[in-house]
N, C-alpha and C. Protein backbone atom coordinates (compact mmCIF):
# COMPACT_ATOMS: atom_id res chain seq x y z
N MET A 1 13.34 19.90 -20.20
CA MET A 1 12.76 18.58 -19.68
C MET A 1 13.95 17.71 -19.01
N THR A 2 13.45 17.14 -17.96
CA THR A 2 14.39 16.27 -17.24
C THR A 2 14.68 14.94 -18.04
N ARG A 3 15.77 14.50 -18.05
CA ARG A 3 16.21 13.25 -18.63
C ARG A 3 17.06 12.31 -17.83
N GLY A 4 16.88 11.00 -18.02
CA GLY A 4 17.58 10.11 -17.26
C GLY A 4 17.20 9.95 -15.79
N GLY A 5 17.89 9.19 -15.08
CA GLY A 5 17.59 8.78 -13.75
C GLY A 5 16.47 7.98 -13.51
N SER A 6 16.36 7.44 -12.30
CA SER A 6 15.26 6.75 -12.01
C SER A 6 13.91 7.40 -11.73
N ARG A 7 12.94 6.84 -12.07
CA ARG A 7 11.57 7.52 -11.90
C ARG A 7 10.59 6.50 -11.21
N ASN A 8 9.60 7.16 -10.65
CA ASN A 8 8.59 6.25 -9.91
C ASN A 8 7.95 5.37 -10.99
N ARG A 9 7.78 4.16 -10.66
CA ARG A 9 7.23 3.14 -11.55
C ARG A 9 8.16 2.78 -12.72
N SER A 10 9.36 3.09 -12.81
CA SER A 10 10.35 2.82 -13.81
C SER A 10 10.84 1.46 -13.47
N GLY A 11 10.81 0.64 -14.41
CA GLY A 11 11.20 -0.75 -14.21
C GLY A 11 10.36 -1.54 -13.30
N PRO A 12 10.66 -2.77 -13.10
CA PRO A 12 9.87 -3.74 -12.30
C PRO A 12 9.87 -3.13 -10.78
N GLN A 13 8.66 -3.25 -10.06
CA GLN A 13 8.50 -2.91 -8.80
C GLN A 13 9.05 -3.91 -7.84
N LYS A 14 9.57 -3.45 -6.70
CA LYS A 14 10.03 -4.34 -5.74
C LYS A 14 9.06 -5.19 -5.17
N ASP A 15 9.36 -6.33 -4.99
CA ASP A 15 8.49 -7.44 -4.51
C ASP A 15 8.76 -7.87 -3.14
N PRO A 16 7.81 -7.64 -2.09
CA PRO A 16 8.16 -8.05 -0.74
C PRO A 16 8.40 -9.46 -0.54
N GLU A 17 8.02 -10.39 -1.55
CA GLU A 17 8.26 -11.70 -1.42
C GLU A 17 9.41 -12.20 -2.13
N SER A 18 10.32 -11.33 -2.79
CA SER A 18 11.41 -11.66 -3.58
C SER A 18 12.62 -11.82 -2.79
N LEU A 19 13.36 -12.84 -3.02
CA LEU A 19 14.67 -12.85 -2.33
C LEU A 19 15.69 -11.90 -2.91
N THR A 20 15.51 -11.49 -4.23
CA THR A 20 16.33 -10.44 -4.60
C THR A 20 16.16 -9.18 -3.84
N SER A 21 14.96 -8.75 -3.63
CA SER A 21 14.61 -7.56 -2.85
C SER A 21 15.29 -7.71 -1.36
N ALA A 22 15.20 -8.95 -0.88
CA ALA A 22 15.77 -9.17 0.52
C ALA A 22 17.36 -9.02 0.38
N VAL A 23 17.98 -9.46 -0.60
CA VAL A 23 19.33 -9.41 -0.89
C VAL A 23 19.82 -7.91 -0.98
N GLN A 24 18.88 -7.13 -1.75
CA GLN A 24 19.21 -5.68 -1.99
C GLN A 24 18.96 -4.89 -0.69
N GLY A 25 18.37 -5.52 0.40
CA GLY A 25 18.09 -4.72 1.53
C GLY A 25 16.74 -3.87 1.50
N VAL A 26 15.88 -4.26 0.56
CA VAL A 26 14.59 -3.70 0.46
C VAL A 26 13.73 -4.18 1.71
N VAL A 27 13.33 -3.17 2.45
CA VAL A 27 12.57 -3.53 3.67
C VAL A 27 11.11 -2.97 3.50
N PHE A 28 10.00 -3.84 3.67
CA PHE A 28 8.79 -3.41 3.61
C PHE A 28 8.28 -3.24 4.99
N HIS A 29 7.66 -2.07 5.30
CA HIS A 29 7.21 -1.83 6.72
C HIS A 29 5.77 -2.50 6.78
N ALA A 30 5.54 -3.25 7.81
CA ALA A 30 4.42 -4.04 8.06
C ALA A 30 3.38 -3.16 8.65
N LEU A 31 2.09 -3.08 8.06
CA LEU A 31 1.03 -2.46 8.49
C LEU A 31 0.06 -3.33 9.32
N PRO A 32 -0.67 -2.87 10.45
CA PRO A 32 -1.35 -3.83 11.05
C PRO A 32 -2.69 -4.19 10.36
N PRO A 33 -2.81 -5.43 10.21
CA PRO A 33 -4.00 -5.83 9.51
C PRO A 33 -5.39 -5.55 10.02
N GLU A 34 -5.46 -5.30 11.31
CA GLU A 34 -6.62 -4.81 12.03
C GLU A 34 -7.00 -3.45 11.76
N GLY A 35 -6.15 -2.61 11.17
CA GLY A 35 -6.27 -1.19 10.91
C GLY A 35 -5.75 -0.29 11.97
N TYR A 36 -6.04 0.96 11.70
CA TYR A 36 -5.45 2.04 12.74
C TYR A 36 -6.63 2.30 13.85
N ALA A 37 -6.16 2.21 15.13
CA ALA A 37 -7.13 2.37 16.05
C ALA A 37 -7.09 3.85 16.71
N GLY A 38 -6.15 4.64 16.15
CA GLY A 38 -5.89 5.81 16.93
C GLY A 38 -6.91 6.89 16.58
N LEU A 39 -6.70 8.18 16.94
CA LEU A 39 -7.61 9.35 16.72
C LEU A 39 -7.55 9.76 15.30
N VAL A 40 -8.82 9.96 14.79
CA VAL A 40 -8.95 10.43 13.37
C VAL A 40 -8.67 12.00 13.30
N PRO A 41 -7.71 12.44 12.57
CA PRO A 41 -7.38 13.82 12.50
C PRO A 41 -8.50 14.64 11.89
N ASP A 42 -8.52 15.96 12.13
CA ASP A 42 -9.48 16.88 11.36
C ASP A 42 -9.29 16.85 9.97
N PHE A 43 -10.30 17.06 9.31
CA PHE A 43 -10.23 17.18 7.84
C PHE A 43 -9.50 18.43 7.32
N PRO A 44 -8.43 18.39 6.59
CA PRO A 44 -7.44 19.64 6.50
C PRO A 44 -8.08 20.62 5.32
N LEU A 45 -9.23 20.18 4.67
CA LEU A 45 -9.63 21.03 3.56
C LEU A 45 -10.91 21.78 4.10
N PRO A 46 -11.23 22.91 3.51
CA PRO A 46 -12.47 23.66 3.82
C PRO A 46 -13.67 22.89 3.25
N GLY A 47 -14.86 23.19 3.95
CA GLY A 47 -16.13 22.83 3.46
C GLY A 47 -16.37 21.23 3.38
N LEU A 48 -16.18 20.63 4.53
CA LEU A 48 -16.34 19.21 4.72
C LEU A 48 -17.96 18.79 4.59
N SER A 49 -18.10 18.00 3.61
CA SER A 49 -19.57 17.47 3.40
C SER A 49 -19.67 16.22 4.44
N ASP A 50 -20.98 15.83 4.44
CA ASP A 50 -21.30 14.71 5.35
C ASP A 50 -20.74 13.41 4.71
N ARG A 51 -20.88 13.23 3.43
CA ARG A 51 -20.26 12.14 2.72
C ARG A 51 -18.84 12.03 2.92
N GLU A 52 -18.17 13.18 2.74
CA GLU A 52 -16.56 13.24 2.82
C GLU A 52 -16.22 12.90 4.18
N ALA A 53 -17.05 13.32 5.26
CA ALA A 53 -16.80 13.03 6.65
C ALA A 53 -16.83 11.59 6.92
N LYS A 54 -17.67 10.86 6.29
CA LYS A 54 -17.95 9.36 6.34
C LYS A 54 -16.70 8.66 5.68
N VAL A 55 -16.40 9.01 4.61
CA VAL A 55 -15.32 8.49 3.75
C VAL A 55 -13.94 8.76 4.59
N TRP A 56 -13.73 9.97 5.07
CA TRP A 56 -12.56 10.32 5.76
C TRP A 56 -12.44 9.43 6.93
N GLY A 57 -13.51 9.28 7.78
CA GLY A 57 -13.50 8.42 8.98
C GLY A 57 -13.16 6.96 8.56
N SER A 58 -13.81 6.37 7.60
CA SER A 58 -13.56 5.09 7.17
C SER A 58 -12.05 4.82 6.72
N LEU A 59 -11.54 5.66 5.97
CA LEU A 59 -10.16 5.51 5.45
C LEU A 59 -9.20 5.58 6.73
N TRP A 60 -9.52 6.29 7.84
CA TRP A 60 -8.67 6.26 8.90
C TRP A 60 -8.78 5.07 9.82
N ARG A 61 -9.46 4.09 9.26
CA ARG A 61 -9.50 2.83 10.11
C ARG A 61 -8.75 1.76 9.35
N THR A 62 -8.33 2.13 8.13
CA THR A 62 -7.47 1.07 7.26
C THR A 62 -6.12 0.94 7.78
N PRO A 63 -5.49 -0.26 7.55
CA PRO A 63 -4.01 -0.40 7.87
C PRO A 63 -3.10 0.78 7.33
N GLN A 64 -3.41 1.33 6.12
CA GLN A 64 -2.56 2.41 5.70
C GLN A 64 -2.58 3.63 6.64
N ALA A 65 -3.75 3.82 7.29
CA ALA A 65 -3.71 4.85 8.20
C ALA A 65 -2.79 4.97 9.43
N ALA A 66 -2.30 3.71 9.66
CA ALA A 66 -1.11 3.62 10.66
C ALA A 66 0.02 4.27 10.19
N ALA A 67 0.33 4.26 8.83
CA ALA A 67 1.50 4.90 8.39
C ALA A 67 1.21 6.46 8.24
N TRP A 68 -0.05 6.69 7.78
CA TRP A 68 -0.34 8.16 7.59
C TRP A 68 -0.16 8.83 8.91
N SER A 69 -0.61 8.23 10.09
CA SER A 69 -0.68 8.85 11.39
C SER A 69 0.74 9.50 11.73
N ALA A 70 1.85 8.84 11.20
CA ALA A 70 3.16 9.21 11.49
C ALA A 70 3.63 10.27 10.48
N GLU A 71 2.78 10.51 9.57
CA GLU A 71 3.22 11.51 8.31
C GLU A 71 2.16 12.41 8.15
N PRO A 72 1.91 13.47 9.15
CA PRO A 72 1.02 14.52 8.94
C PRO A 72 1.09 15.21 7.43
N TRP A 73 2.25 15.39 6.86
CA TRP A 73 2.30 16.02 5.56
C TRP A 73 1.50 15.28 4.49
N ARG A 74 1.07 14.04 4.73
CA ARG A 74 0.37 13.15 3.87
C ARG A 74 -1.23 13.38 4.02
N TRP A 75 -1.65 13.94 5.11
CA TRP A 75 -3.15 14.16 5.42
C TRP A 75 -3.83 14.89 4.40
N ARG A 76 -3.23 15.85 3.78
CA ARG A 76 -3.80 16.73 2.70
C ARG A 76 -4.00 15.94 1.42
N ILE A 77 -3.01 15.02 1.16
CA ILE A 77 -3.31 14.26 0.04
C ILE A 77 -4.43 13.25 0.22
N VAL A 78 -4.43 12.57 1.36
CA VAL A 78 -5.62 11.81 1.69
C VAL A 78 -6.85 12.46 1.68
N ALA A 79 -6.88 13.70 2.15
CA ALA A 79 -8.16 14.47 1.97
C ALA A 79 -8.49 14.92 0.62
N MET A 80 -7.65 15.05 -0.25
CA MET A 80 -7.84 15.35 -1.70
C MET A 80 -8.44 14.16 -2.27
N TYR A 81 -7.88 12.85 -1.89
CA TYR A 81 -8.33 11.63 -2.44
C TYR A 81 -9.88 11.60 -2.07
N VAL A 82 -10.25 11.86 -0.86
CA VAL A 82 -11.44 11.77 -0.33
C VAL A 82 -12.40 12.68 -1.08
N ARG A 83 -12.01 13.90 -1.24
CA ARG A 83 -12.82 15.03 -1.89
C ARG A 83 -13.15 14.50 -3.37
N TRP A 84 -12.01 14.14 -4.06
CA TRP A 84 -12.26 13.78 -5.50
C TRP A 84 -12.99 12.50 -5.57
N SER A 85 -12.79 11.49 -4.77
CA SER A 85 -13.54 10.19 -4.85
C SER A 85 -14.97 10.48 -4.65
N VAL A 86 -15.33 11.34 -3.57
CA VAL A 86 -16.62 11.61 -3.33
C VAL A 86 -17.39 12.36 -4.54
N ARG A 87 -16.50 13.24 -5.03
CA ARG A 87 -17.03 14.01 -6.31
C ARG A 87 -17.31 13.04 -7.49
N MET A 88 -16.50 12.06 -7.53
CA MET A 88 -16.62 11.07 -8.59
C MET A 88 -17.84 10.37 -8.51
N GLU A 89 -18.40 10.18 -7.21
CA GLU A 89 -19.60 9.36 -6.92
C GLU A 89 -20.85 10.33 -7.29
N ASP A 90 -20.70 11.68 -7.24
CA ASP A 90 -21.99 12.47 -7.48
C ASP A 90 -22.05 12.99 -8.80
N VAL A 91 -21.00 12.95 -9.61
CA VAL A 91 -21.24 13.42 -11.09
C VAL A 91 -20.86 12.47 -11.94
N GLU A 92 -21.13 12.59 -13.28
CA GLU A 92 -20.62 11.61 -14.21
C GLU A 92 -19.08 11.81 -14.41
N ALA A 93 -18.35 11.05 -13.99
CA ALA A 93 -16.94 11.14 -13.94
C ALA A 93 -16.30 10.97 -15.28
N ASN A 94 -15.47 12.10 -15.57
CA ASN A 94 -14.74 12.07 -16.83
C ASN A 94 -13.38 11.18 -16.59
N ALA A 95 -12.77 10.93 -17.67
CA ALA A 95 -11.47 10.22 -17.64
C ALA A 95 -10.49 10.80 -16.78
N ALA A 96 -10.32 12.16 -16.83
CA ALA A 96 -9.28 12.83 -16.14
C ALA A 96 -9.60 12.70 -14.55
N LEU A 97 -10.76 12.85 -14.10
CA LEU A 97 -11.12 12.75 -12.69
C LEU A 97 -10.83 11.29 -12.21
N VAL A 98 -11.26 10.35 -13.00
CA VAL A 98 -10.99 8.88 -12.54
C VAL A 98 -9.52 8.66 -12.44
N SER A 99 -8.74 9.10 -13.52
CA SER A 99 -7.38 9.08 -13.46
C SER A 99 -6.65 9.64 -12.26
N GLN A 100 -7.12 10.85 -11.90
CA GLN A 100 -6.53 11.52 -10.84
C GLN A 100 -6.83 10.84 -9.46
N VAL A 101 -8.10 10.24 -9.31
CA VAL A 101 -8.47 9.61 -8.08
C VAL A 101 -7.60 8.18 -7.96
N ILE A 102 -7.39 7.49 -9.07
CA ILE A 102 -6.52 6.39 -9.08
C ILE A 102 -5.05 6.80 -8.74
N ARG A 103 -4.55 7.82 -9.26
CA ARG A 103 -3.21 8.22 -8.92
C ARG A 103 -3.03 8.50 -7.44
N LEU A 104 -4.04 9.26 -6.96
CA LEU A 104 -3.95 9.70 -5.53
C LEU A 104 -4.10 8.41 -4.63
N GLY A 105 -4.93 7.42 -4.98
CA GLY A 105 -4.97 6.17 -4.27
C GLY A 105 -3.69 5.51 -4.28
N ASP A 106 -2.92 5.42 -5.40
CA ASP A 106 -1.54 5.00 -5.45
C ASP A 106 -0.71 5.70 -4.48
N GLN A 107 -0.67 7.00 -4.40
CA GLN A 107 0.14 7.76 -3.63
C GLN A 107 0.02 7.58 -2.12
N ILE A 108 -1.32 7.18 -1.82
CA ILE A 108 -1.56 7.09 -0.32
C ILE A 108 -1.59 5.63 0.08
N GLY A 109 -1.17 4.77 -0.82
CA GLY A 109 -1.19 3.33 -0.50
C GLY A 109 -2.29 2.55 -0.57
N LEU A 110 -3.43 3.00 -1.24
CA LEU A 110 -4.60 2.33 -1.24
C LEU A 110 -4.73 1.16 -2.17
N THR A 111 -3.79 1.08 -3.10
CA THR A 111 -3.77 -0.07 -4.06
C THR A 111 -2.59 -0.93 -3.89
N PRO A 112 -2.59 -2.09 -4.43
CA PRO A 112 -1.40 -3.06 -4.25
C PRO A 112 -0.14 -2.34 -4.83
N ALA A 113 -0.33 -1.67 -5.89
CA ALA A 113 0.79 -0.87 -6.53
C ALA A 113 1.32 0.27 -5.60
N GLY A 114 0.38 0.99 -4.97
CA GLY A 114 0.56 1.99 -3.97
C GLY A 114 1.33 1.52 -2.72
N LEU A 115 0.94 0.32 -2.28
CA LEU A 115 1.51 -0.32 -1.05
C LEU A 115 3.11 -0.53 -1.43
N ARG A 116 3.25 -1.10 -2.59
CA ARG A 116 4.67 -1.35 -2.94
C ARG A 116 5.50 -0.16 -3.08
N GLU A 117 4.85 0.88 -3.78
CA GLU A 117 5.68 2.23 -4.00
C GLU A 117 6.03 2.82 -2.63
N ASN A 118 5.11 2.73 -1.60
CA ASN A 118 5.44 3.31 -0.34
C ASN A 118 6.20 2.37 0.54
N GLY A 119 6.51 1.22 0.05
CA GLY A 119 7.39 0.25 0.93
C GLY A 119 6.57 -0.41 2.11
N TRP A 120 5.25 -0.41 1.77
CA TRP A 120 4.38 -1.05 2.92
C TRP A 120 3.86 -2.39 2.55
N LYS A 121 3.48 -3.19 3.50
CA LYS A 121 2.93 -4.55 3.38
C LYS A 121 1.97 -4.71 4.55
N ILE A 122 0.87 -5.16 4.32
CA ILE A 122 -0.21 -5.41 5.36
C ILE A 122 0.18 -6.74 5.86
N ALA A 123 0.59 -6.74 7.18
CA ALA A 123 0.98 -7.96 7.70
C ALA A 123 -0.18 -9.03 7.89
N PRO A 124 0.18 -10.28 7.73
CA PRO A 124 -0.94 -11.17 7.85
C PRO A 124 -1.38 -11.29 9.29
N SER A 125 -2.74 -11.57 9.52
CA SER A 125 -3.10 -11.68 10.87
C SER A 125 -2.73 -13.07 11.37
N GLU A 126 -2.93 -13.28 12.81
CA GLU A 126 -2.67 -14.49 13.38
C GLU A 126 -3.51 -15.58 12.69
N GLY A 127 -4.74 -15.36 12.44
CA GLY A 127 -5.63 -16.32 11.93
C GLY A 127 -5.14 -16.81 10.55
N ASP A 128 -4.68 -15.74 9.67
CA ASP A 128 -4.17 -16.02 8.30
C ASP A 128 -2.90 -17.05 8.40
N LEU A 129 -2.02 -16.70 9.34
CA LEU A 129 -0.84 -17.57 9.44
C LEU A 129 -1.21 -18.97 9.90
N LYS A 130 -2.10 -19.10 10.79
CA LYS A 130 -2.51 -20.45 11.26
C LYS A 130 -3.16 -21.14 10.10
N ALA A 131 -4.17 -20.48 9.38
CA ALA A 131 -4.88 -21.22 8.35
C ALA A 131 -3.96 -21.66 7.22
N THR A 132 -2.95 -20.86 6.87
CA THR A 132 -2.15 -21.36 5.67
C THR A 132 -0.92 -22.14 6.16
N GLY A 133 -0.62 -22.21 7.58
CA GLY A 133 0.40 -23.08 7.99
C GLY A 133 1.83 -22.31 7.73
N THR A 134 1.88 -21.03 7.50
CA THR A 134 3.23 -20.40 7.08
C THR A 134 3.81 -19.81 8.28
N ALA A 135 3.20 -19.86 9.43
CA ALA A 135 3.74 -19.25 10.65
C ALA A 135 5.22 -19.78 10.86
N GLY A 136 6.14 -19.11 10.89
CA GLY A 136 7.49 -19.46 11.45
C GLY A 136 8.33 -20.19 10.27
N LYS A 137 7.86 -20.24 9.12
CA LYS A 137 8.64 -20.88 8.02
C LYS A 137 9.65 -20.08 7.41
N ALA A 138 10.75 -20.35 7.31
CA ALA A 138 11.85 -19.66 6.68
C ALA A 138 11.80 -19.75 5.24
N ARG A 139 12.13 -18.78 4.44
CA ARG A 139 12.13 -18.95 3.03
C ARG A 139 13.56 -19.33 2.57
N SER A 140 13.67 -20.12 1.58
CA SER A 140 14.83 -20.52 0.92
C SER A 140 14.91 -20.25 -0.51
N SER A 141 16.10 -20.22 -1.01
CA SER A 141 16.25 -19.93 -2.41
C SER A 141 15.90 -21.12 -3.22
N SER A 142 15.71 -21.01 -4.61
CA SER A 142 15.31 -22.10 -5.36
C SER A 142 16.59 -23.01 -5.50
N ARG A 143 17.75 -22.55 -5.43
CA ARG A 143 18.96 -23.13 -5.53
C ARG A 143 19.16 -24.11 -4.25
N ALA A 144 18.74 -23.61 -3.10
CA ALA A 144 18.85 -24.54 -1.91
C ALA A 144 17.78 -25.66 -1.88
N ARG A 145 16.73 -25.42 -2.65
CA ARG A 145 15.64 -26.58 -2.80
C ARG A 145 16.09 -27.64 -3.67
N LEU A 146 17.10 -27.39 -4.54
CA LEU A 146 17.39 -28.32 -5.68
C LEU A 146 18.00 -29.63 -4.84
N LYS A 147 17.70 -30.68 -5.47
CA LYS A 147 18.18 -31.96 -4.85
C LYS A 147 19.29 -32.59 -5.90
N VAL A 148 20.41 -32.91 -5.37
CA VAL A 148 21.48 -33.47 -6.20
C VAL A 148 21.09 -34.90 -6.44
N VAL A 149 21.07 -35.34 -7.83
CA VAL A 149 20.70 -36.69 -8.30
C VAL A 149 22.05 -37.23 -8.92
N GLY A 150 22.32 -38.46 -8.53
CA GLY A 150 23.55 -39.12 -9.03
C GLY A 150 23.27 -39.54 -10.53
N ASN A 151 24.35 -39.90 -11.19
CA ASN A 151 24.45 -40.33 -12.74
C ASN A 151 24.53 -41.82 -12.60
N ASP A 152 23.73 -42.55 -11.71
CA ASP A 152 23.89 -44.04 -11.72
C ASP A 152 23.14 -44.80 -12.76
N GLY A 153 22.27 -44.13 -13.62
CA GLY A 153 21.64 -44.68 -14.64
C GLY A 153 20.38 -45.40 -14.34
C-alpha cells in the first residue's frame, strides 16, 4: 500500500479568490461563461441511447466542455459520466452508483470541487461584472487595507 505524499483532496483545496494561492503561483484557467460553441464529438462508447445522446449534447454546451475539447483523452470519462448518470435516472440507484456518478462529475469538473481540482474557474460574464461593479478592481491584502490610527487618546 502506498504511503505518504500528496493526494487528491488532501488538505484544503486551492481557492481561486485567495491571495495565498496567487502568491504560490496557482493559476486557474478561465472557462467561457457562455459555454462551448464548437463541434460535439462522437460518443466514444458503444450502444448510444436517445437519452444518452441528449445528455451528451447538453454537456458539450457547458463551460467545462471548452476545456474537454482540448483534452480528447477525457471524452471517455465524460461519456462514462453520461452513461452512469442516465442509468441512475432509469433504475433505483444504489449508493455505489450515486457515489460513482458524483466522483465522475468531480473528475470532469461539473461540481465546484471538480472545478477547483482541475484548476478551472468559470469566468464572470460582462453582465455579471457590470452588475456587481467589480470590473477592473484590483484585489489587495487585508494588511494593505488596515488604517494606522494614532495614540492621541
